[in-house]
Amino acid sequence: MRAFLDNLRLAFGTFLGNPLRSLLTLLGIVIGVTTVITMMALIEGLRIKVNRDLSQLGANTFQSSKWPSGFGRFNWAKYARRPDLTLEDARAIQESCPSVGVVAPADDEGGQKVATSSQETRPSVRVFGTTPEYLDTSGITVASGRFFSDTEAVDGRSVAVVGLDVAEALFPGTDPLQHEIRIKGRPFTVIGVLQRRGSFLGMMSMDNLVIMPLRTFQPLYGKNRSLDLNVQAKDGALVQRAQDEVTNLLRRRRGVGPLEENNFELHTNESMTQTFNQLSQVITIAGFGVCLLSLVVGGIGILNIMLVSVTERTREIGIRKALGARKRRILGQFATEAVMLSLVGGAIGVAVGFGLAFLGRWMLGFPTVVPPWAVALSLGMSSGVGLIFGIYPAARAARLDPVEAMRSE
């Protein structure tokens, strides 16, 4: 233990004796560790935000759609040939699936402009057409006013519920309820304003929308379009059974053979989380690749500085060996210096990574969190690099002949 403490003291003495040279040597280690910490903080924060955002999509719900969701390259021509999901499919699910509570057919159109007599939004509003059950299956909450009724939905009345982004753009400082808005030249009466939900995954605002009855939406945007069917199970324990019932029903209605794949998609919170996890794994691997490259560069720097250190301290090594220091002690001294050098770089990288994570949380409002395992892994990798690249200089120092070393100037 005493020998180890002496090695630590000598290592810190060497570091403090040449601080600028040591810091420049550690630059690769610092960059690599900073990359790992920052990347892991972003991924962990994104995972937290994904779970938080998905929890807003409605409890015990899933969605059936003609189109896939997620990341990757899809054969869109293949999906375009699929039959549309229709109102009749929604009614069949409601009537024939005992585990299903409610079904809300919905359609939407993005890139729309909403206007009043004096104001208008950018052409970025998403307009939804749906039924009153959408309130239960989408996780939205009406902050003021009300959602449209069954009668208004059946009659296709010109009523609308707006998100806060639209309300603030069109009615700054004014209560929008019972005021008129126009969509594609058609007037609508605002009957409700939704509670703010923020952005989804930090990319798309969930408040820049207008919701109207489906029978009002279809004359504006077309009836020959596939619907998304939002399905809510009667109970949380019945979600899987409800998915099986919906899958079997839609396969029968759409004539899918026993050995054929589904010609529709089921989207759940779990499947979306799984898609994100697959993406995060790719990002993590890429981040570790960048980190490894930086650590190798840093390791080469440590190898270089340790070789220089051995050359500069040849006489010191000779004196220590002449006084009885064994090869193992010399080897341990220089190996400890290399490891401590890389650990200092790792600690600096961890501190910088924490700083960048905090900066992202403070400036962008992103819930960045540094997982403890990322800190341990970064410090372990940096010390490992120091040990690997410090072995050769340490072994070279341990093999020096004491007489020849003492003659060195």
Protein backbone atom coordinates (compact mmCIF):
# COMPACT_ATOMS: atom_id res chain seq x y z
CA MET A 1 0.00 0.00 0.00
CA ARG A 2 2.84 2.37 0.87
CA ALA A 3 4.46 1.72 -2.50
CA PHE A 4 1.16 2.45 -4.26
CA LEU A 5 0.74 5.73 -2.36
CA ASP A 6 4.30 6.70 -3.27
CA ASN A 7 3.54 5.96 -6.93
CA LEU A 8 0.43 8.14 -6.72
CA ARG A 9 2.41 10.99 -5.18
CA LEU A 10 5.05 10.74 -7.91
CA ALA A 11 2.36 10.58 -10.61
CA PHE A 12 0.66 13.76 -9.38
CA GLY A 13 4.03 15.44 -9.01
CA THR A 14 4.83 14.70 -12.64
CA PHE A 15 1.41 15.95 -13.74
CA LEU A 16 1.71 19.20 -11.77
CA GLY A 17 5.28 19.66 -12.95
CA ASN A 18 4.16 19.78 -16.62
CA PRO A 19 0.48 20.82 -16.52
CA LEU A 20 0.19 22.27 -20.03
CA ARG A 21 1.93 19.34 -21.70
CA SER A 22 -0.17 16.88 -19.71
CA LEU A 23 -3.45 18.64 -20.56
CA LEU A 24 -2.64 18.71 -24.27
CA THR A 25 -1.79 15.02 -24.08
CA LEU A 26 -5.16 14.31 -22.47
CA LEU A 27 -7.18 16.11 -25.16
CA GLY A 28 -8.13 12.90 -26.97
CA ILE A 29 -9.21 11.25 -23.70
CA VAL A 30 -11.27 14.31 -22.74
CA ILE A 31 -13.04 14.41 -26.13
CA GLY A 32 -13.80 10.69 -26.04
CA VAL A 33 -15.22 10.70 -22.51
CA THR A 34 -17.17 13.91 -23.16
CA THR A 35 -18.71 12.27 -26.22
CA VAL A 36 -19.83 9.23 -24.21
CA ILE A 37 -21.28 11.27 -21.33
CA THR A 38 -23.09 13.74 -23.58
CA MET A 39 -24.42 11.05 -25.92
CA MET A 40 -25.67 8.87 -23.08
CA ALA A 41 -27.28 11.88 -21.37
CA LEU A 42 -29.13 12.77 -24.58
CA ILE A 43 -30.27 9.19 -25.18
CA GLU A 44 -31.41 8.75 -21.58
CA GLY A 45 -33.22 12.09 -21.70
CA LEU A 46 -34.84 11.12 -24.99
CA ARG A 47 -35.95 7.79 -23.47
CA ILE A 48 -37.55 9.63 -20.55
CA LYS A 49 -39.28 12.04 -22.93
CA VAL A 50 -40.50 9.19 -25.15
CA ASN A 51 -42.08 7.43 -22.19
CA ARG A 52 -43.58 10.70 -20.97
CA ASP A 53 -44.97 11.61 -24.40
CA LEU A 54 -46.31 8.14 -25.07
CA SER A 55 -48.11 8.20 -21.73
CA GLN A 56 -50.10 11.14 -23.10
CA LEU A 57 -51.46 9.11 -26.02
CA GLY A 58 -54.21 7.55 -23.93
CA ALA A 59 -54.38 4.74 -21.40
CA ASN A 60 -54.95 1.13 -22.52
CA THR A 61 -55.02 2.19 -26.16
CA PHE A 62 -53.54 1.09 -29.46
CA GLN A 63 -54.06 2.08 -33.07
CA SER A 64 -54.76 0.19 -36.26
CA SER A 65 -53.50 1.84 -39.43
CA LYS A 66 -52.85 1.13 -43.07
CA TRP A 67 -49.36 2.59 -42.82
CA PRO A 68 -46.32 1.64 -40.75
CA SER A 69 -44.72 3.97 -38.27
CA GLY A 70 -41.18 4.35 -37.02
CA PHE A 71 -37.78 4.77 -38.58
CA GLY A 72 -36.30 3.07 -41.57
CA ARG A 73 -36.84 2.57 -45.27
CA PHE A 74 -40.24 1.19 -46.21
CA ASN A 75 -41.66 -0.14 -49.44
CA TRP A 76 -44.40 2.48 -49.65
CA ALA A 77 -45.77 1.07 -52.90
CA LYS A 78 -46.49 -2.18 -51.06
CA TYR A 79 -48.39 -0.39 -48.29
CA ALA A 80 -50.28 1.78 -50.76
CA ARG A 81 -51.79 -1.40 -52.28
CA ARG A 82 -53.33 -2.35 -48.97
CA PRO A 83 -57.11 -1.88 -48.63
CA ASP A 84 -58.22 1.15 -46.64
CA LEU A 85 -59.51 0.99 -43.09
CA THR A 86 -63.08 2.27 -43.04
CA LEU A 87 -65.92 3.29 -40.76
CA GLU A 88 -67.40 -0.18 -41.28
CA ASP A 89 -64.21 -1.68 -39.81
CA ALA A 90 -64.55 0.60 -36.79
CA ARG A 91 -68.18 -0.45 -36.26
CA ALA A 92 -67.30 -4.14 -36.61
CA ILE A 93 -64.56 -3.82 -33.99
CA GLN A 94 -66.94 -2.03 -31.61
CA GLU A 95 -69.65 -4.65 -32.06
CA SER A 96 -67.62 -7.88 -32.32
CA CYS A 97 -64.63 -7.48 -29.97
CA PRO A 98 -65.76 -8.00 -26.36
CA SER A 99 -62.50 -6.70 -24.84
CA VAL A 100 -62.74 -3.37 -26.68
CA GLY A 101 -64.27 -0.43 -24.88
CA VAL A 102 -64.43 2.28 -27.54
CA VAL A 103 -63.19 2.81 -31.07
CA ALA A 104 -62.47 6.24 -32.54
CA PRO A 105 -61.94 6.41 -36.32
CA ALA A 106 -59.81 9.39 -37.28
CA ASP A 107 -58.23 11.03 -40.30
CA ASP A 108 -55.91 14.00 -40.49
CA GLU A 109 -54.30 16.41 -42.92
CA GLY A 110 -51.12 18.34 -42.15
CA GLY A 111 -49.77 21.59 -43.53
CA GLN A 112 -53.05 23.48 -43.23
CA LYS A 113 -53.66 27.19 -42.72
CA VAL A 114 -56.31 28.41 -40.28
CA ALA A 115 -57.52 32.02 -40.37
CA THR A 116 -59.86 34.57 -38.87
CA SER A 117 -60.90 37.90 -40.34
CA SER A 118 -57.70 39.50 -39.02
CA GLN A 119 -55.21 36.73 -38.24
CA GLU A 120 -53.93 33.54 -39.80
CA THR A 121 -51.56 30.76 -38.86
CA ARG A 122 -48.64 29.43 -40.81
CA PRO A 123 -49.48 26.49 -43.11
CA SER A 124 -48.37 24.00 -40.47
CA VAL A 125 -51.57 23.17 -38.61
CA ARG A 126 -52.70 19.52 -38.50
CA VAL A 127 -56.47 19.16 -38.95
CA PHE A 128 -58.15 16.06 -37.51
CA GLY A 129 -61.52 14.61 -38.31
CA THR A 130 -62.85 12.11 -35.79
CA THR A 131 -65.68 11.12 -33.46
CA PRO A 132 -66.41 12.06 -29.82
CA GLU A 133 -64.68 8.85 -28.64
CA TYR A 134 -61.37 10.37 -29.72
CA LEU A 135 -61.31 12.25 -26.42
CA ASP A 136 -60.92 8.91 -24.58
CA THR A 137 -58.41 7.27 -26.91
CA SER A 138 -55.92 10.06 -27.62
CA GLY A 139 -55.02 11.34 -24.17
CA ILE A 140 -56.16 14.90 -24.91
CA THR A 141 -57.96 17.06 -22.36
CA VAL A 142 -60.26 20.02 -22.98
CA ALA A 143 -59.02 22.99 -20.96
CA SER A 144 -61.95 25.30 -21.68
CA GLY A 145 -65.25 24.86 -23.48
CA ARG A 146 -66.17 21.34 -24.57
CA PHE A 147 -65.63 18.61 -27.15
CA PHE A 148 -68.21 18.13 -29.88
CA SER A 149 -71.21 15.90 -29.12
CA ASP A 150 -72.58 12.79 -30.83
CA THR A 151 -75.32 14.89 -32.42
CA GLU A 152 -72.82 17.39 -33.84
CA ALA A 153 -70.67 14.52 -35.12
CA VAL A 154 -73.59 12.75 -36.83
CA ASP A 155 -74.89 15.96 -38.37
CA GLY A 156 -71.42 17.03 -39.53
CA ARG A 157 -71.70 20.47 -37.98
CA SER A 158 -69.09 23.17 -38.47
CA VAL A 159 -67.64 23.12 -34.98
CA ALA A 160 -63.98 22.84 -33.99
CA VAL A 161 -61.78 22.26 -30.98
CA VAL A 162 -58.39 23.97 -31.26
CA GLY A 163 -54.97 23.46 -29.69
CA LEU A 164 -53.31 26.23 -27.70
CA ASP A 165 -50.84 27.09 -30.47
CA VAL A 166 -53.71 27.83 -32.84
CA ALA A 167 -55.70 29.68 -30.17
CA GLU A 168 -52.75 31.92 -29.27
CA ALA A 169 -51.94 32.64 -32.92
CA LEU A 170 -55.48 33.55 -33.91
CA PHE A 171 -56.85 35.07 -30.70
CA PRO A 172 -53.95 36.68 -28.80
CA GLY A 173 -55.20 37.85 -25.40
CA THR A 174 -58.78 36.86 -26.26
CA ASP A 175 -60.97 33.90 -25.32
CA PRO A 176 -61.46 32.01 -28.60
CA LEU A 177 -64.67 30.26 -27.54
CA GLN A 178 -67.64 30.92 -29.83
CA HIS A 179 -65.43 32.84 -32.26
CA GLU A 180 -65.25 31.94 -35.93
CA ILE A 181 -62.27 30.45 -37.75
CA ARG A 182 -61.98 29.49 -41.41
CA ILE A 183 -60.39 26.36 -42.85
CA LYS A 184 -60.22 26.03 -46.63
CA GLY A 185 -62.74 28.88 -46.84
CA ARG A 186 -65.33 27.16 -44.63
CA PRO A 187 -66.37 28.84 -41.34
CA PHE A 188 -66.16 26.92 -38.04
CA THR A 189 -67.25 27.88 -34.54
CA VAL A 190 -64.65 27.25 -31.82
CA ILE A 191 -66.32 25.31 -29.02
CA GLY A 192 -63.28 24.12 -27.09
CA VAL A 193 -59.59 24.70 -26.40
CA LEU A 194 -57.28 21.81 -25.55
CA GLN A 195 -54.90 21.67 -22.62
CA ARG A 196 -51.27 22.23 -23.56
CA ARG A 197 -49.28 19.04 -24.17
CA GLY A 198 -46.00 20.40 -25.52
CA SER A 199 -43.98 18.71 -28.25
CA PHE A 200 -43.70 15.04 -29.15
CA LEU A 201 -40.08 13.84 -28.88
CA GLY A 202 -39.01 17.47 -28.97
CA MET A 203 -39.84 17.70 -32.68
CA MET A 204 -43.56 18.09 -33.39
CA SER A 205 -45.90 20.33 -31.41
CA MET A 206 -48.96 18.52 -30.11
CA ASP A 207 -50.78 21.84 -29.67
CA ASN A 208 -50.76 23.00 -33.30
CA LEU A 209 -53.98 21.25 -34.30
CA VAL A 210 -57.69 21.59 -34.96
CA ILE A 211 -60.20 18.78 -34.35
CA MET A 212 -63.58 18.62 -36.09
CA PRO A 213 -66.24 15.94 -36.66
CA LEU A 214 -65.24 13.30 -39.19
CA ARG A 215 -68.36 13.94 -41.27
CA THR A 216 -67.33 17.58 -41.50
CA PHE A 217 -63.71 16.70 -42.32
CA GLN A 218 -64.45 14.29 -45.18
CA PRO A 219 -66.20 16.76 -47.54
CA LEU A 220 -63.20 19.07 -47.15
CA TYR A 221 -60.41 16.54 -47.65
CA GLY A 222 -62.05 13.56 -49.34
CA LYS A 223 -63.89 10.41 -48.26
CA ASN A 224 -61.78 7.84 -50.12
CA ARG A 225 -59.01 7.84 -47.56
CA SER A 226 -57.89 5.22 -45.09
CA LEU A 227 -58.77 5.92 -41.47
CA ASP A 228 -56.72 5.36 -38.35
CA LEU A 229 -58.67 3.40 -35.75
CA ASN A 230 -57.87 4.35 -32.17
CA VAL A 231 -58.93 1.47 -29.93
CA GLN A 232 -59.23 1.49 -26.15
CA ALA A 233 -59.48 -1.76 -24.21
CA LYS A 234 -62.03 -2.02 -21.41
CA ASP A 235 -59.26 -2.59 -18.89
CA GLY A 236 -55.48 -2.48 -18.76
CA ALA A 237 -55.36 -6.24 -18.26
CA LEU A 238 -57.33 -6.74 -21.49
CA VAL A 239 -55.11 -4.74 -23.85
CA GLN A 240 -53.33 -7.78 -25.30
CA ARG A 241 -56.60 -9.68 -25.67
CA ALA A 242 -58.19 -6.67 -27.37
CA GLN A 243 -55.25 -6.51 -29.81
CA ASP A 244 -55.68 -10.20 -30.63
CA GLU A 245 -59.42 -9.78 -31.16
CA VAL A 246 -58.95 -6.77 -33.44
CA THR A 247 -56.20 -8.53 -35.39
CA ASN A 248 -58.31 -11.66 -35.96
CA LEU A 249 -61.37 -9.63 -36.93
CA LEU A 250 -59.53 -7.44 -39.43
CA ARG A 251 -57.78 -10.45 -40.97
CA ARG A 252 -61.18 -12.12 -41.55
CA ARG A 253 -62.79 -8.96 -42.91
CA ARG A 254 -59.87 -8.28 -45.26
CA GLY A 255 -59.51 -11.86 -46.48
CA VAL A 256 -55.99 -12.46 -45.16
CA GLY A 257 -54.97 -16.12 -45.45
CA PRO A 258 -53.63 -18.15 -42.49
CA LEU A 259 -50.03 -17.98 -43.74
CA GLU A 260 -50.15 -14.40 -45.04
CA GLU A 261 -48.91 -11.38 -43.13
CA ASN A 262 -51.29 -8.69 -41.93
CA ASN A 263 -52.22 -6.05 -44.47
CA PHE A 264 -52.63 -3.49 -41.69
CA GLU A 265 -50.54 -2.30 -38.74
CA LEU A 266 -51.10 -2.25 -35.00
CA HIS A 267 -49.26 0.53 -33.21
CA THR A 268 -48.88 0.41 -29.43
CA ASN A 269 -46.87 2.41 -26.94
CA GLU A 270 -44.65 -0.65 -26.52
CA SER A 271 -44.00 -1.00 -30.24
CA MET A 272 -43.14 2.68 -30.56
CA THR A 273 -40.81 2.39 -27.56
CA GLN A 274 -39.19 -0.66 -29.15
CA THR A 275 -38.65 1.29 -32.37
CA PHE A 276 -37.01 4.08 -30.43
CA ASN A 277 -34.81 1.60 -28.54
CA GLN A 278 -33.58 0.18 -31.84
CA LEU A 279 -32.69 3.68 -33.01
CA SER A 280 -30.98 4.51 -29.73
CA GLN A 281 -28.87 1.35 -29.99
CA VAL A 282 -27.57 2.49 -33.38
CA ILE A 283 -26.80 5.95 -31.96
CA THR A 284 -25.09 4.38 -28.95
CA ILE A 285 -22.89 2.16 -31.11
CA ALA A 286 -21.95 5.13 -33.30
CA GLY A 287 -21.17 7.20 -30.21
CA PHE A 288 -18.95 4.49 -28.80
CA GLY A 289 -17.16 4.28 -32.15
CA VAL A 290 -16.36 8.00 -32.01
CA CYS A 291 -15.37 7.63 -28.37
CA LEU A 292 -13.10 4.68 -29.08
CA LEU A 293 -11.37 6.58 -31.87
CA SER A 294 -10.81 9.55 -29.58
CA LEU A 295 -9.52 7.31 -26.81
CA VAL A 296 -7.06 5.63 -29.19
CA VAL A 297 -5.78 9.07 -30.20
CA GLY A 298 -5.53 9.98 -26.54
CA GLY A 299 -3.77 6.70 -25.82
CA ILE A 300 -1.16 7.44 -28.49
CA GLY A 301 -0.63 10.81 -26.84
CA ILE A 302 -0.11 9.12 -23.48
CA LEU A 303 2.30 6.64 -25.06
CA ASN A 304 4.27 9.53 -26.55
CA ILE A 305 4.41 11.58 -23.36
CA MET A 306 5.38 8.57 -21.26
CA LEU A 307 8.23 7.72 -23.63
CA VAL A 308 9.39 11.33 -23.36
CA SER A 309 9.06 11.12 -19.58
CA VAL A 310 11.16 7.94 -19.46
CA THR A 311 13.85 9.62 -21.59
CA GLU A 312 13.85 12.75 -19.45
CA ARG A 313 14.04 10.79 -16.20
CA THR A 314 16.59 8.18 -17.21
CA ARG A 315 19.08 9.38 -14.60
CA GLU A 316 16.38 9.33 -11.88
CA ILE A 317 15.47 5.76 -12.82
CA GLY A 318 19.15 4.76 -12.64
CA ILE A 319 19.54 6.27 -9.17
CA ARG A 320 16.40 4.53 -7.90
CA LYS A 321 17.54 1.17 -9.26
CA ALA A 322 21.03 1.70 -7.80
CA LEU A 323 19.38 2.31 -4.40
CA GLY A 324 17.57 -1.02 -4.63
CA ALA A 325 14.33 -0.30 -6.51
CA ARG A 326 13.23 -3.44 -8.30
CA LYS A 327 11.92 -3.69 -11.85
CA ARG A 328 8.42 -4.28 -10.50
CA ARG A 329 8.55 -1.00 -8.54
CA ILE A 330 9.74 1.00 -11.56
CA LEU A 331 7.12 -0.68 -13.74
CA GLY A 332 4.41 0.13 -11.21
CA GLN A 333 5.56 3.75 -10.95
CA PHE A 334 5.28 4.53 -14.65
CA ALA A 335 2.15 2.41 -15.18
CA THR A 336 0.49 4.30 -12.31
CA GLU A 337 1.50 7.60 -13.88
CA ALA A 338 -0.06 6.58 -17.20
CA VAL A 339 -3.29 5.40 -15.55
CA MET A 340 -3.57 8.51 -13.37
CA LEU A 341 -2.91 10.70 -16.38
CA SER A 342 -5.75 9.08 -18.31
CA LEU A 343 -8.03 9.12 -15.25
CA VAL A 344 -7.52 12.86 -14.90
CA GLY A 345 -8.50 13.19 -18.56
CA GLY A 346 -11.53 10.98 -17.92
CA ALA A 347 -12.57 13.09 -14.93
CA ILE A 348 -12.26 16.28 -16.98
CA GLY A 349 -14.31 14.67 -19.77
CA VAL A 350 -17.00 13.62 -17.27
CA ALA A 351 -17.16 17.16 -15.88
CA VAL A 352 -17.44 18.67 -19.38
CA GLY A 353 -20.09 16.08 -20.31
CA PHE A 354 -22.14 16.94 -17.23
CA GLY A 355 -21.81 20.61 -18.12
CA LEU A 356 -23.07 20.06 -21.67
CA ALA A 357 -25.94 17.90 -20.38
CA PHE A 358 -26.95 20.64 -17.93
CA LEU A 359 -26.65 23.24 -20.69
CA GLY A 360 -28.97 21.21 -22.91
CA ARG A 361 -31.51 20.87 -20.10
CA TRP A 362 -31.32 24.57 -19.25
CA MET A 363 -31.34 26.05 -22.76
CA LEU A 364 -33.47 23.52 -24.66
CA GLY A 365 -35.69 22.24 -21.86
CA PHE A 366 -34.62 18.71 -22.77
CA PRO A 367 -34.61 16.24 -19.81
CA THR A 368 -30.96 15.19 -20.16
CA VAL A 369 -29.88 12.70 -17.50
CA VAL A 370 -26.40 11.20 -17.15
CA PRO A 371 -26.75 7.52 -16.16
CA PRO A 372 -24.26 6.40 -13.48
CA TRP A 373 -23.14 3.44 -15.60
CA ALA A 374 -21.98 5.86 -18.32
CA VAL A 375 -19.70 7.63 -15.81
CA ALA A 376 -18.29 4.32 -14.57
CA LEU A 377 -17.80 3.03 -18.13
CA SER A 378 -16.09 6.24 -19.25
CA LEU A 379 -13.65 6.27 -16.35
CA GLY A 380 -13.02 2.54 -16.78
CA MET A 381 -12.33 2.93 -20.49
CA SER A 382 -10.05 5.91 -19.97
CA SER A 383 -8.02 4.19 -17.25
CA GLY A 384 -7.84 1.04 -19.38
CA VAL A 385 -6.48 3.05 -22.29
CA GLY A 386 -3.89 4.61 -19.98
CA LEU A 387 -2.83 1.20 -18.71
CA ILE A 388 -2.59 -0.35 -22.18
CA PHE A 389 -0.63 2.51 -23.72
CA GLY A 390 1.49 3.00 -20.59
CA ILE A 391 2.74 -0.58 -20.33
CA TYR A 392 5.43 -0.26 -23.01
CA PRO A 393 7.04 2.94 -21.64
CA ALA A 394 6.85 1.49 -18.11
CA ALA A 395 8.47 -1.77 -19.23
CA ARG A 396 11.14 0.18 -21.08
CA ALA A 397 11.92 2.14 -17.92
CA ALA A 398 12.04 -1.04 -15.82
CA ARG A 399 14.56 -2.67 -18.21
CA LEU A 400 17.07 0.21 -18.05
CA ASP A 401 20.54 -0.71 -16.81
CA PRO A 402 21.20 1.35 -13.66
CA VAL A 403 24.87 2.10 -14.54
CA GLU A 404 24.04 3.25 -18.06
CA ALA A 405 21.04 5.18 -16.78
CA MET A 406 23.14 7.05 -14.21
CA ARG A 407 25.61 8.09 -16.91
CA SER A 408 22.77 9.66 -18.93
CA GLU A 409 22.45 13.44 -18.99
